[in-house]
N, C-alpha and C. Protein backbone atom coordinates (compact mmCIF):
# COMPACT_ATOMS: atom_id res chain seq x y z
N MET A 1 17.82 15.42 7.17
CA MET A 1 16.45 15.98 6.70
C MET A 1 15.60 14.30 6.26
N ASN A 2 14.54 13.97 6.28
CA ASN A 2 14.07 12.96 5.97
C ASN A 2 13.32 13.04 4.23
N LYS A 3 13.84 11.82 3.50
CA LYS A 3 13.49 12.23 2.37
C LYS A 3 11.67 11.43 1.89
N ILE A 4 11.41 11.78 1.69
CA ILE A 4 9.85 11.32 0.76
C ILE A 4 9.57 11.42 -0.74
N ALA A 5 9.52 10.30 -0.68
CA ALA A 5 9.47 9.82 -2.49
C ALA A 5 7.43 9.85 -3.02
N ILE A 6 7.15 10.50 -3.97
CA ILE A 6 5.65 10.65 -4.22
C ILE A 6 6.10 9.56 -6.01
N PHE A 7 5.28 8.71 -6.03
CA PHE A 7 5.21 7.69 -6.75
C PHE A 7 3.41 7.94 -7.67
N GLY A 8 3.95 8.96 -8.83
CA GLY A 8 2.30 9.16 -9.42
C GLY A 8 1.68 8.30 -10.17
N GLY A 9 0.66 8.05 -10.68
CA GLY A 9 0.73 7.68 -12.00
C GLY A 9 -0.70 6.79 -11.96
N SER A 10 -1.27 6.95 -12.99
CA SER A 10 -3.16 5.89 -13.00
C SER A 10 -2.68 4.66 -12.83
N PHE A 11 -1.71 4.12 -12.83
CA PHE A 11 -1.85 2.87 -12.02
C PHE A 11 -3.12 1.65 -12.81
N ASP A 12 -3.11 1.25 -13.19
CA ASP A 12 -4.16 1.24 -14.77
C ASP A 12 -4.06 -0.31 -15.24
N PRO A 13 -3.90 -1.29 -15.08
CA PRO A 13 -3.72 -1.73 -13.07
C PRO A 13 -1.92 -1.76 -12.82
N VAL A 14 -1.97 -1.30 -11.22
CA VAL A 14 -0.64 -1.73 -10.64
C VAL A 14 -0.37 -3.35 -10.97
N HIS A 15 1.03 -3.12 -11.62
CA HIS A 15 1.73 -4.38 -11.10
C HIS A 15 2.61 -4.78 -10.27
N LYS A 16 3.46 -5.95 -11.02
CA LYS A 16 4.31 -6.11 -10.49
C LYS A 16 5.74 -5.27 -10.50
N ALA A 17 6.35 -4.93 -11.47
CA ALA A 17 7.19 -3.83 -11.19
C ALA A 17 7.00 -2.77 -10.44
N HIS A 18 5.66 -1.76 -10.51
CA HIS A 18 5.45 -1.02 -9.77
C HIS A 18 5.82 -1.13 -7.96
N ILE A 19 5.30 -2.65 -7.85
CA ILE A 19 6.16 -2.68 -6.69
C ILE A 19 7.74 -3.28 -6.27
N GLN A 20 8.16 -3.21 -7.33
CA GLN A 20 9.79 -3.85 -7.84
C GLN A 20 10.10 -2.64 -7.60
N ILE A 21 10.08 -1.69 -8.01
CA ILE A 21 10.52 -0.77 -7.87
C ILE A 21 10.25 0.15 -6.86
N SER A 22 8.72 0.40 -5.98
CA SER A 22 8.50 1.05 -4.39
C SER A 22 9.65 0.76 -3.64
N LYS A 23 9.71 -0.79 -3.86
CA LYS A 23 10.66 -1.74 -2.61
C LYS A 23 12.19 -1.12 -2.97
N LEU A 24 12.71 -1.13 -3.71
CA LEU A 24 13.81 -0.87 -4.68
C LEU A 24 14.52 0.56 -3.96
N VAL A 25 13.25 1.22 -4.46
CA VAL A 25 13.72 3.13 -4.32
C VAL A 25 13.65 3.24 -2.90
N LEU A 26 12.59 2.62 -1.78
CA LEU A 26 12.79 2.60 -0.42
C LEU A 26 13.96 2.54 -0.04
N GLU A 27 14.19 0.89 0.10
CA GLU A 27 15.68 0.56 0.29
C GLU A 27 17.26 1.62 -0.42
N THR A 28 17.30 1.58 -1.41
CA THR A 28 18.04 2.34 -2.60
C THR A 28 18.67 3.73 -1.74
N PHE A 29 17.20 4.06 -1.50
CA PHE A 29 17.51 5.80 -0.67
C PHE A 29 16.74 6.22 0.51
N ASN A 30 17.32 5.35 1.24
CA ASN A 30 16.81 5.54 2.94
C ASN A 30 15.56 5.98 2.98
N LEU A 31 14.33 5.98 2.41
CA LEU A 31 13.56 6.72 2.44
C LEU A 31 12.65 6.64 4.15
N LYS A 32 12.19 8.10 4.44
CA LYS A 32 11.37 8.13 5.40
C LYS A 32 9.71 7.09 4.85
N LYS A 33 9.59 7.51 3.70
CA LYS A 33 7.83 6.21 3.06
C LYS A 33 8.22 7.06 1.85
N LEU A 34 7.02 6.26 0.78
CA LEU A 34 7.43 6.65 -0.53
C LEU A 34 5.66 6.41 -0.14
N ILE A 35 5.07 7.73 -1.34
CA ILE A 35 3.54 7.53 -1.48
C ILE A 35 3.03 7.37 -2.88
N PHE A 36 2.03 6.40 -2.62
CA PHE A 36 1.58 6.26 -4.30
C PHE A 36 0.31 7.18 -4.01
N VAL A 37 0.54 7.85 -5.30
CA VAL A 37 -0.47 9.11 -5.64
C VAL A 37 -1.01 8.50 -6.98
N VAL A 38 -2.59 8.37 -6.98
CA VAL A 38 -3.18 7.57 -7.67
C VAL A 38 -3.52 9.06 -8.64
N ALA A 39 -3.38 8.84 -10.14
CA ALA A 39 -4.29 10.44 -10.98
C ALA A 39 -5.54 9.67 -11.21
N TYR A 40 -6.39 10.84 -11.59
CA TYR A 40 -7.51 10.87 -11.46
C TYR A 40 -7.54 10.85 -13.30
N ALA A 41 -6.72 12.20 -13.86
CA ALA A 41 -6.47 12.05 -15.45
C ALA A 41 -5.65 12.41 -15.42
N PRO A 42 -4.25 11.72 -15.98
CA PRO A 42 -3.04 11.78 -15.76
C PRO A 42 -2.57 13.26 -17.23
N PRO A 43 -1.87 14.08 -17.27
CA PRO A 43 -2.28 15.01 -18.16
C PRO A 43 -1.49 14.37 -19.54
N HIS A 44 -0.91 13.54 -19.28
CA HIS A 44 -0.14 12.76 -20.56
C HIS A 44 -1.02 11.53 -21.45
N LYS A 45 -2.28 11.00 -20.52
CA LYS A 45 -3.03 10.19 -21.21
C LYS A 45 -4.25 10.27 -21.76
N ASN A 46 -4.66 9.77 -22.94
CA ASN A 46 -5.73 10.05 -23.15
C ASN A 46 -7.03 9.27 -22.16
N LYS A 47 -6.85 8.12 -21.73
CA LYS A 47 -7.96 7.02 -21.08
C LYS A 47 -7.17 6.42 -19.97
N GLN A 48 -8.08 5.98 -19.09
CA GLN A 48 -8.10 5.55 -18.18
C GLN A 48 -9.02 4.03 -18.68
N TYR A 49 -8.78 2.71 -18.45
CA TYR A 49 -9.39 1.64 -18.47
C TYR A 49 -10.35 0.87 -17.23
N ALA A 50 -9.68 1.38 -16.30
CA ALA A 50 -10.89 0.84 -14.92
C ALA A 50 -10.65 2.56 -14.49
N GLY A 51 -12.28 2.57 -13.37
CA GLY A 51 -12.46 3.65 -12.56
C GLY A 51 -11.49 3.50 -11.57
N VAL A 52 -11.67 5.14 -11.06
CA VAL A 52 -10.49 5.51 -9.96
C VAL A 52 -10.61 4.45 -8.76
N LYS A 53 -11.84 4.45 -8.49
CA LYS A 53 -11.97 3.48 -7.12
C LYS A 53 -11.51 2.19 -7.74
N ASP A 54 -11.45 1.58 -8.79
CA ASP A 54 -10.87 0.08 -8.82
C ASP A 54 -9.37 0.46 -8.84
N ARG A 55 -8.99 1.15 -9.60
CA ARG A 55 -7.79 1.84 -9.69
C ARG A 55 -6.92 1.75 -8.25
N ILE A 56 -7.94 2.60 -6.94
CA ILE A 56 -7.41 2.74 -6.04
C ILE A 56 -7.20 1.52 -4.66
N GLU A 57 -8.57 0.82 -5.13
CA GLU A 57 -8.16 -0.57 -4.51
C GLU A 57 -7.31 -1.22 -4.63
N MET A 58 -7.17 -1.58 -6.10
CA MET A 58 -6.05 -2.50 -6.87
C MET A 58 -4.86 -2.29 -5.87
N LEU A 59 -4.77 -1.07 -6.31
CA LEU A 59 -3.01 -0.40 -5.13
C LEU A 59 -3.43 -1.01 -3.66
N ARG A 60 -4.05 -0.38 -2.82
CA ARG A 60 -4.51 -1.06 -1.56
C ARG A 60 -4.10 -2.45 -1.16
N LEU A 61 -4.50 -3.19 -2.35
CA LEU A 61 -4.01 -5.14 -2.50
C LEU A 61 -3.05 -4.83 -2.75
N ALA A 62 -2.11 -4.48 -3.69
CA ALA A 62 -0.97 -4.68 -4.23
C ALA A 62 -0.01 -4.46 -3.08
N THR A 63 -0.37 -3.24 -1.84
CA THR A 63 0.23 -2.51 -1.17
C THR A 63 0.38 -2.96 0.57
N LYS A 64 -0.23 -3.78 0.75
CA LYS A 64 -1.25 -4.23 1.95
C LYS A 64 -0.29 -4.58 3.01
N ASN A 65 0.73 -4.98 2.32
CA ASN A 65 1.43 -5.69 3.51
C ASN A 65 2.99 -5.08 3.43
N LEU A 66 3.29 -4.15 2.47
CA LEU A 66 4.40 -3.32 2.56
C LEU A 66 4.67 -1.98 3.75
N GLU A 67 5.67 -2.06 4.11
CA GLU A 67 6.21 -1.20 5.59
C GLU A 67 6.76 0.09 4.85
N HIS A 68 5.87 1.33 4.91
CA HIS A 68 7.00 2.71 4.90
C HIS A 68 6.15 3.46 3.40
N ILE A 69 4.69 2.41 3.11
CA ILE A 69 4.37 2.87 1.77
C ILE A 69 2.76 3.48 2.30
N GLU A 70 2.48 4.72 1.54
CA GLU A 70 0.99 4.79 2.17
C GLU A 70 0.57 5.31 0.63
N ILE A 71 -0.94 5.25 0.69
CA ILE A 71 -1.68 5.73 -0.52
C ILE A 71 -2.17 7.16 -0.44
N SER A 72 -1.82 7.66 -1.45
CA SER A 72 -2.48 9.70 -1.08
C SER A 72 -3.78 9.38 -2.57
N LEU A 73 -5.23 9.81 -1.66
CA LEU A 73 -6.23 10.13 -2.99
C LEU A 73 -5.90 11.84 -3.36
N TYR A 74 -5.19 12.28 -3.05
CA TYR A 74 -4.73 13.58 -3.50
C TYR A 74 -5.16 14.52 -4.86
N GLU A 75 -4.75 13.94 -5.77
CA GLU A 75 -5.56 14.03 -7.17
C GLU A 75 -6.28 13.30 -7.46
N ALA A 76 -6.87 12.17 -7.09
CA ALA A 76 -7.88 11.22 -7.46
C ALA A 76 -9.01 12.00 -7.12
N GLU A 77 -9.04 12.59 -5.44
CA GLU A 77 -10.26 13.24 -5.02
C GLU A 77 -10.77 14.72 -5.86
N LYS A 78 -9.35 15.26 -6.52
CA LYS A 78 -9.69 15.84 -7.65
C LYS A 78 -10.91 16.43 -8.74
N GLN A 79 -10.87 15.11 -8.62
CA GLN A 79 -11.80 14.66 -10.17
C GLN A 79 -11.46 15.42 -11.68
N SER A 80 -10.26 15.95 -11.28
CA SER A 80 -9.81 16.60 -12.36
C SER A 80 -8.14 16.30 -12.63
N VAL A 81 -7.69 16.61 -13.82
CA VAL A 81 -6.28 16.79 -14.43
C VAL A 81 -5.66 17.44 -13.17
N VAL A 82 -4.39 17.00 -12.54
CA VAL A 82 -3.88 17.75 -11.63
C VAL A 82 -1.88 17.93 -11.85
N TYR A 83 -1.11 18.53 -11.78
CA TYR A 83 -0.02 18.48 -12.61
C TYR A 83 0.94 18.21 -11.57
N SER A 84 1.83 17.58 -12.13
CA SER A 84 3.02 16.91 -10.97
C SER A 84 3.38 18.18 -10.29
N TYR A 85 3.54 19.52 -10.30
CA TYR A 85 4.63 20.28 -9.80
C TYR A 85 3.21 20.89 -8.07
N GLN A 86 2.23 20.84 -8.65
CA GLN A 86 0.93 20.80 -7.86
C GLN A 86 1.15 20.04 -7.14
N THR A 87 1.27 18.81 -7.17
CA THR A 87 1.52 17.85 -6.20
C THR A 87 2.20 17.85 -5.58
N LEU A 88 3.60 17.81 -5.99
CA LEU A 88 5.04 17.70 -5.01
C LEU A 88 4.75 19.07 -4.29
N ASP A 89 4.24 19.91 -4.64
CA ASP A 89 4.39 21.44 -3.73
C ASP A 89 2.76 21.35 -2.58
N TYR A 90 1.96 20.55 -2.70
CA TYR A 90 1.05 19.80 -1.71
C TYR A 90 2.04 18.92 -0.75
N PHE A 91 2.25 18.10 -0.94
CA PHE A 91 3.14 17.40 -0.45
C PHE A 91 4.70 17.88 0.30
N GLN A 92 5.26 18.82 -0.32
CA GLN A 92 6.07 19.46 0.66
C GLN A 92 5.50 20.78 1.85
N ARG A 93 4.54 20.96 1.37
CA ARG A 93 3.06 21.70 2.23
C ARG A 93 3.04 21.20 3.63
N THR A 94 2.56 20.20 3.01
CA THR A 94 2.17 18.57 4.07
C THR A 94 3.64 18.55 5.08
N TYR A 95 4.51 18.27 4.32
CA TYR A 95 5.73 17.83 5.36
C TYR A 95 6.92 18.86 5.33
N PRO A 96 6.55 19.25 5.74
CA PRO A 96 7.51 20.77 5.77
C PRO A 96 9.55 20.91 6.02
N LEU A 97 9.17 19.66 6.66
CA LEU A 97 10.84 19.19 6.89
C LEU A 97 11.21 18.08 6.63
N SER A 98 10.79 17.95 5.24
CA SER A 98 11.04 16.41 4.45
C SER A 98 11.57 17.62 3.29
N GLU A 99 12.54 16.34 2.45
CA GLU A 99 12.87 16.40 1.13
C GLU A 99 12.06 15.70 -0.31
N ILE A 100 11.27 16.52 -0.59
CA ILE A 100 10.29 15.93 -1.27
C ILE A 100 10.67 15.02 -3.19
N PHE A 101 11.03 13.87 -3.14
CA PHE A 101 11.40 13.47 -4.30
C PHE A 101 10.16 12.89 -5.46
N MET A 102 10.34 12.88 -6.67
CA MET A 102 9.62 11.89 -7.29
C MET A 102 10.08 10.99 -8.15
N ILE A 103 9.05 10.31 -8.29
CA ILE A 103 10.04 8.68 -9.04
C ILE A 103 9.25 8.94 -10.14
N ILE A 104 10.35 8.56 -11.61
CA ILE A 104 9.82 8.61 -12.65
C ILE A 104 10.62 7.70 -13.72
N GLY A 105 9.76 7.47 -14.73
CA GLY A 105 11.34 6.66 -15.41
C GLY A 105 11.90 7.14 -16.33
N SER A 106 12.43 6.64 -17.04
CA SER A 106 13.36 7.13 -17.98
C SER A 106 12.65 7.57 -19.07
N ASP A 107 11.71 7.42 -19.79
CA ASP A 107 10.71 7.60 -20.69
C ASP A 107 10.32 8.39 -20.06
N SER A 108 10.08 8.93 -18.74
CA SER A 108 9.13 10.19 -18.58
C SER A 108 10.78 11.39 -18.74
N LEU A 109 11.54 10.98 -18.13
CA LEU A 109 12.78 12.12 -18.13
C LEU A 109 13.03 12.45 -19.72
N ILE A 110 13.01 11.46 -20.92
CA ILE A 110 13.42 13.03 -22.05
C ILE A 110 12.28 13.10 -22.06
N GLU A 111 10.93 12.82 -21.54
CA GLU A 111 9.87 14.01 -21.92
C GLU A 111 9.48 15.44 -20.96
N LEU A 112 10.59 14.97 -20.02
CA LEU A 112 10.03 16.63 -18.90
C LEU A 112 9.27 17.28 -19.53
N HIS A 113 10.39 17.67 -20.40
CA HIS A 113 10.28 19.30 -21.34
C HIS A 113 9.14 19.63 -21.22
N ALA A 114 8.11 19.15 -21.40
CA ALA A 114 6.85 18.98 -22.02
C ALA A 114 5.91 19.15 -21.04
N TRP A 115 6.18 18.82 -19.42
CA TRP A 115 5.84 19.12 -18.45
C TRP A 115 4.73 20.27 -18.22
N GLU A 116 3.74 20.54 -17.48
CA GLU A 116 3.24 21.63 -17.43
C GLU A 116 4.53 22.42 -15.83
N ASN A 117 4.81 23.75 -16.35
CA ASN A 117 5.22 24.19 -15.52
C ASN A 117 7.04 23.74 -15.22
N ILE A 118 7.70 22.99 -16.36
CA ILE A 118 8.99 22.71 -15.69
C ILE A 118 9.78 23.15 -15.01
N ASP A 119 10.10 24.62 -15.30
CA ASP A 119 11.36 25.16 -14.93
C ASP A 119 10.89 25.23 -13.22
N TYR A 120 9.90 25.86 -13.09
CA TYR A 120 9.25 25.28 -11.99
C TYR A 120 9.69 24.10 -10.75
N LEU A 121 9.79 22.74 -11.42
CA LEU A 121 9.41 22.06 -10.78
C LEU A 121 10.57 21.90 -10.62
N THR A 122 11.33 21.59 -11.71
CA THR A 122 12.93 20.92 -11.89
C THR A 122 13.70 22.28 -10.80
N SER A 123 13.31 23.70 -10.44
CA SER A 123 14.27 24.11 -9.84
C SER A 123 13.72 24.01 -8.32
N LYS A 124 12.96 23.21 -7.85
CA LYS A 124 12.69 22.72 -6.80
C LYS A 124 12.75 21.62 -6.11
N TYR A 125 12.24 20.57 -7.05
CA TYR A 125 12.49 19.07 -6.58
C TYR A 125 13.24 18.60 -7.20
N LYS A 126 13.44 17.23 -7.25
CA LYS A 126 14.67 16.13 -7.44
C LYS A 126 13.72 14.69 -8.21
N PHE A 127 14.39 13.87 -8.90
CA PHE A 127 13.92 13.07 -9.51
C PHE A 127 14.63 12.03 -9.25
N ILE A 128 14.00 10.46 -8.50
CA ILE A 128 14.26 9.77 -8.50
C ILE A 128 13.75 8.91 -10.06
N VAL A 129 14.59 8.00 -11.03
CA VAL A 129 14.81 8.19 -12.34
C VAL A 129 15.01 6.84 -12.04
N VAL A 130 14.04 5.54 -12.69
CA VAL A 130 14.58 4.38 -12.97
C VAL A 130 14.46 3.97 -14.57
N LYS A 131 15.78 3.17 -14.44
CA LYS A 131 15.97 2.62 -15.97
C LYS A 131 14.80 2.11 -16.55
N ARG A 132 13.97 2.17 -18.07
CA ARG A 132 13.65 2.02 -18.88
C ARG A 132 14.34 1.53 -19.98
N SER A 133 14.15 -0.13 -20.05
CA SER A 133 14.60 -0.72 -21.68
C SER A 133 14.40 0.17 -22.38
N GLY A 134 15.41 0.43 -23.81
CA GLY A 134 15.12 1.06 -24.81
C GLY A 134 15.22 2.57 -24.70
N ILE A 135 15.27 2.98 -23.65
CA ILE A 135 15.83 4.06 -23.62
C ILE A 135 17.15 4.74 -23.35
N CYS A 136 17.65 6.04 -24.16
CA CYS A 136 18.73 6.01 -24.20
C CYS A 136 18.46 7.46 -23.32
N ILE A 137 19.64 7.60 -22.24
CA ILE A 137 20.25 8.90 -21.70
C ILE A 137 21.66 8.73 -21.40
N ASP A 138 21.93 10.14 -22.29
CA ASP A 138 23.28 10.26 -22.51
C ASP A 138 23.15 11.79 -21.56
N ALA A 139 24.48 12.57 -21.87
CA ALA A 139 24.50 13.85 -21.30
C ALA A 139 24.00 14.53 -21.61
N ALA A 140 23.59 15.03 -23.24
CA ALA A 140 22.80 15.85 -23.45
C ALA A 140 20.87 15.71 -22.97
N THR A 141 21.10 14.97 -22.39
CA THR A 141 19.64 14.54 -21.75
C THR A 141 19.27 15.98 -20.89
N LYS A 142 18.22 16.70 -20.96
CA LYS A 142 18.28 17.84 -19.95
C LYS A 142 17.83 17.31 -18.95
N TYR A 143 17.90 18.37 -17.74
CA TYR A 143 17.44 17.95 -16.33
C TYR A 143 18.58 16.98 -15.16
N LEU A 144 19.42 16.35 -16.45
CA LEU A 144 20.23 15.57 -15.56
C LEU A 144 20.62 15.65 -14.03
N ASP A 145 20.97 16.97 -14.01
CA ASP A 145 21.35 17.40 -12.93
C ASP A 145 20.11 17.37 -11.58
N ARG A 146 19.21 17.79 -12.08
CA ARG A 146 18.05 17.12 -10.85
C ARG A 146 17.76 15.74 -10.39
N CYS A 147 18.68 14.74 -11.29
CA CYS A 147 18.24 13.60 -11.34
C CYS A 147 18.79 12.38 -10.13
N ILE A 148 18.42 11.52 -9.72
CA ILE A 148 19.51 10.49 -9.09
C ILE A 148 18.68 9.32 -9.79
N PHE A 149 19.74 8.09 -9.90
CA PHE A 149 19.64 7.45 -10.76
C PHE A 149 19.27 5.74 -10.09
N VAL A 150 18.04 4.82 -10.34
CA VAL A 150 18.20 3.56 -9.53
C VAL A 150 19.02 2.56 -10.35
N ASP A 151 20.20 2.03 -9.72
CA ASP A 151 21.10 1.42 -10.65
C ASP A 151 20.80 -0.11 -11.03
N LYS A 152 19.92 -0.38 -10.11
CA LYS A 152 19.82 -2.08 -10.05
C LYS A 152 18.57 -2.12 -11.12
N GLU A 153 18.65 -3.05 -12.31
CA GLU A 153 17.90 -3.31 -12.96
C GLU A 153 16.30 -4.11 -12.17
N ILE A 154 15.10 -4.01 -13.28
CA ILE A 154 14.27 -3.93 -12.30
C ILE A 154 13.01 -4.70 -13.65
N VAL A 155 12.31 -5.43 -13.49
CA VAL A 155 11.45 -6.22 -14.40
C VAL A 155 11.12 -5.22 -15.40
N ASP A 156 11.00 -4.76 -16.70
CA ASP A 156 10.52 -3.56 -17.14
C ASP A 156 9.36 -3.88 -18.28
N PHE A 157 8.32 -3.60 -17.44
CA PHE A 157 7.17 -3.60 -17.97
C PHE A 157 5.99 -3.11 -17.67
N SER A 158 4.68 -2.85 -19.10
CA SER A 158 3.61 -1.33 -18.97
C SER A 158 2.64 -2.17 -18.35
N SER A 159 1.80 -1.06 -17.67
CA SER A 159 0.39 -1.67 -17.46
C SER A 159 -0.62 -1.63 -18.49
N THR A 160 0.23 -1.40 -20.05
CA THR A 160 -0.48 -1.60 -20.82
C THR A 160 -0.14 -2.94 -21.61
N LEU A 161 1.15 -3.53 -21.32
CA LEU A 161 1.19 -4.55 -21.41
C LEU A 161 0.38 -5.55 -20.71
N VAL A 162 0.13 -5.62 -19.26
CA VAL A 162 -0.19 -6.01 -18.86
C VAL A 162 -1.95 -6.48 -18.66
N ARG A 163 -2.59 -5.36 -19.96
CA ARG A 163 -4.06 -5.21 -20.02
C ARG A 163 -3.93 -6.00 -21.45
N TYR A 164 -2.78 -6.33 -22.26
CA TYR A 164 -3.05 -6.69 -23.40
C TYR A 164 -3.08 -8.25 -22.88
N TYR A 165 -2.50 -8.44 -22.07
CA TYR A 165 -2.57 -10.25 -21.64
C TYR A 165 -3.63 -10.06 -20.82
N LEU A 166 -3.91 -9.64 -20.08
CA LEU A 166 -5.41 -9.50 -19.38
C LEU A 166 -6.24 -9.89 -20.82
N LYS A 167 -6.14 -9.64 -21.63
CA LYS A 167 -7.03 -9.72 -22.71
C LYS A 167 -6.88 -11.37 -23.39
N ASN A 168 -5.87 -11.32 -23.55
CA ASN A 168 -4.88 -12.49 -24.95
C ASN A 168 -4.16 -13.43 -24.05
N ASP A 169 -3.97 -13.28 -23.11
CA ASP A 169 -3.17 -14.83 -22.55
C ASP A 169 -2.95 -14.23 -20.89
N LYS A 170 -4.14 -15.20 -19.80
CA LYS A 170 -4.33 -14.82 -18.54
C LYS A 170 -3.07 -15.21 -18.18
N ALA A 171 -2.24 -15.84 -18.62
CA ALA A 171 -1.62 -16.88 -17.62
C ALA A 171 -0.11 -16.35 -17.66
N LYS A 172 -0.21 -14.97 -18.80
CA LYS A 172 1.28 -14.48 -18.58
C LYS A 172 1.02 -13.14 -17.52
N ALA A 173 -0.61 -12.61 -17.78
CA ALA A 173 -1.07 -11.92 -16.64
C ALA A 173 -1.35 -11.44 -15.59
N SER A 174 -1.71 -13.21 -15.18
CA SER A 174 -0.89 -13.57 -13.72
C SER A 174 0.05 -13.40 -13.01
N LYS A 175 1.05 -13.62 -13.81
CA LYS A 175 2.26 -13.77 -13.50
C LYS A 175 3.57 -12.26 -12.96
N MET A 176 2.73 -11.52 -13.84
CA MET A 176 3.06 -9.78 -13.63
C MET A 176 1.88 -9.08 -12.21
N LEU A 177 1.05 -9.68 -12.24
CA LEU A 177 0.22 -9.15 -10.86
C LEU A 177 0.53 -10.17 -9.42
N CYS A 178 -0.24 -9.47 -8.28
CA CYS A 178 -0.19 -10.03 -7.30
C CYS A 178 -1.70 -10.58 -6.93
N LYS A 179 -1.36 -11.34 -7.09
CA LYS A 179 -2.66 -12.47 -6.44
C LYS A 179 -3.82 -11.64 -6.52
N ASP A 180 -3.59 -10.94 -5.08
CA ASP A 180 -4.67 -10.33 -5.00
C ASP A 180 -5.29 -9.27 -5.96
N VAL A 181 -4.81 -8.52 -6.63
CA VAL A 181 -4.88 -7.65 -7.59
C VAL A 181 -5.57 -8.80 -8.96
N TYR A 182 -4.84 -9.35 -9.58
CA TYR A 182 -5.31 -10.79 -10.49
C TYR A 182 -6.94 -11.00 -10.17
N ASN A 183 -6.88 -11.39 -8.61
CA ASN A 183 -8.61 -11.75 -8.58
C ASN A 183 -9.58 -10.91 -8.12
N TYR A 184 -8.94 -9.52 -7.93
CA TYR A 184 -9.98 -8.64 -7.77
C TYR A 184 -10.26 -8.26 -9.45
N ILE A 185 -9.26 -7.72 -10.72
CA ILE A 185 -9.70 -7.85 -11.82
C ILE A 185 -10.58 -8.81 -12.67
N THR A 186 -10.05 -10.18 -12.03
CA THR A 186 -11.19 -11.23 -12.49
C THR A 186 -12.40 -10.86 -11.58
N GLU A 187 -12.61 -10.88 -10.63
CA GLU A 187 -13.82 -11.10 -9.59
C GLU A 187 -14.82 -9.38 -10.31
N ASN A 188 -14.26 -8.59 -10.80
CA ASN A 188 -14.99 -7.33 -11.34
C ASN A 188 -14.86 -7.36 -12.85
N GLY A 189 -14.55 -8.27 -13.51
CA GLY A 189 -14.41 -8.15 -15.02
C GLY A 189 -13.93 -6.71 -15.40
N LEU A 190 -12.77 -6.65 -14.88
CA LEU A 190 -11.88 -5.40 -15.33
C LEU A 190 -11.35 -5.95 -16.64
N TYR A 191 -10.93 -5.06 -17.83
CA TYR A 191 -9.86 -5.19 -19.03
C TYR A 191 -10.48 -6.22 -19.74
N ARG A 192 -11.65 -6.48 -20.20
CA ARG A 192 -12.11 -7.54 -20.92
C ARG A 192 -11.98 -6.95 -22.21
């Protein structure tokens, strides 16, 4: 059975850690493809700093030379909150002969209990979990039986940190972003 991983998020902005994760997951789990899903309005976040069209364009720039990677506008085109179970169900209907996984960070794993329709989601789908520094996962962590973990270390920083450096230290920010994404941000005056 083919394996497809869904990598959802606001990607505000997409940065090198997102790209590193996607490459690592593709290689580690022998996936047919990895699909980035750009959220219009993520349920657990109050604000987006760049518009959805800019976030999609930055993701296109960051992934343009990568094989087995696609970008889906499924959530972005809804122009409202879409929950993870709805997104995974959509991809399961689209690829009925494939096994669908969702990529999350260990920070999200410890908050899964708060996700919409989580019992349904965890009964039907598995999660590929990327370890985040400072997050403790132990035997008491709920839904461990539905997870497979990426064992390799990744560069661990967030879009929040990238936005901070875009305002305060452009040299550091440029090291966290693909060159084309950094140029796009600069040319379009994003994250000022």
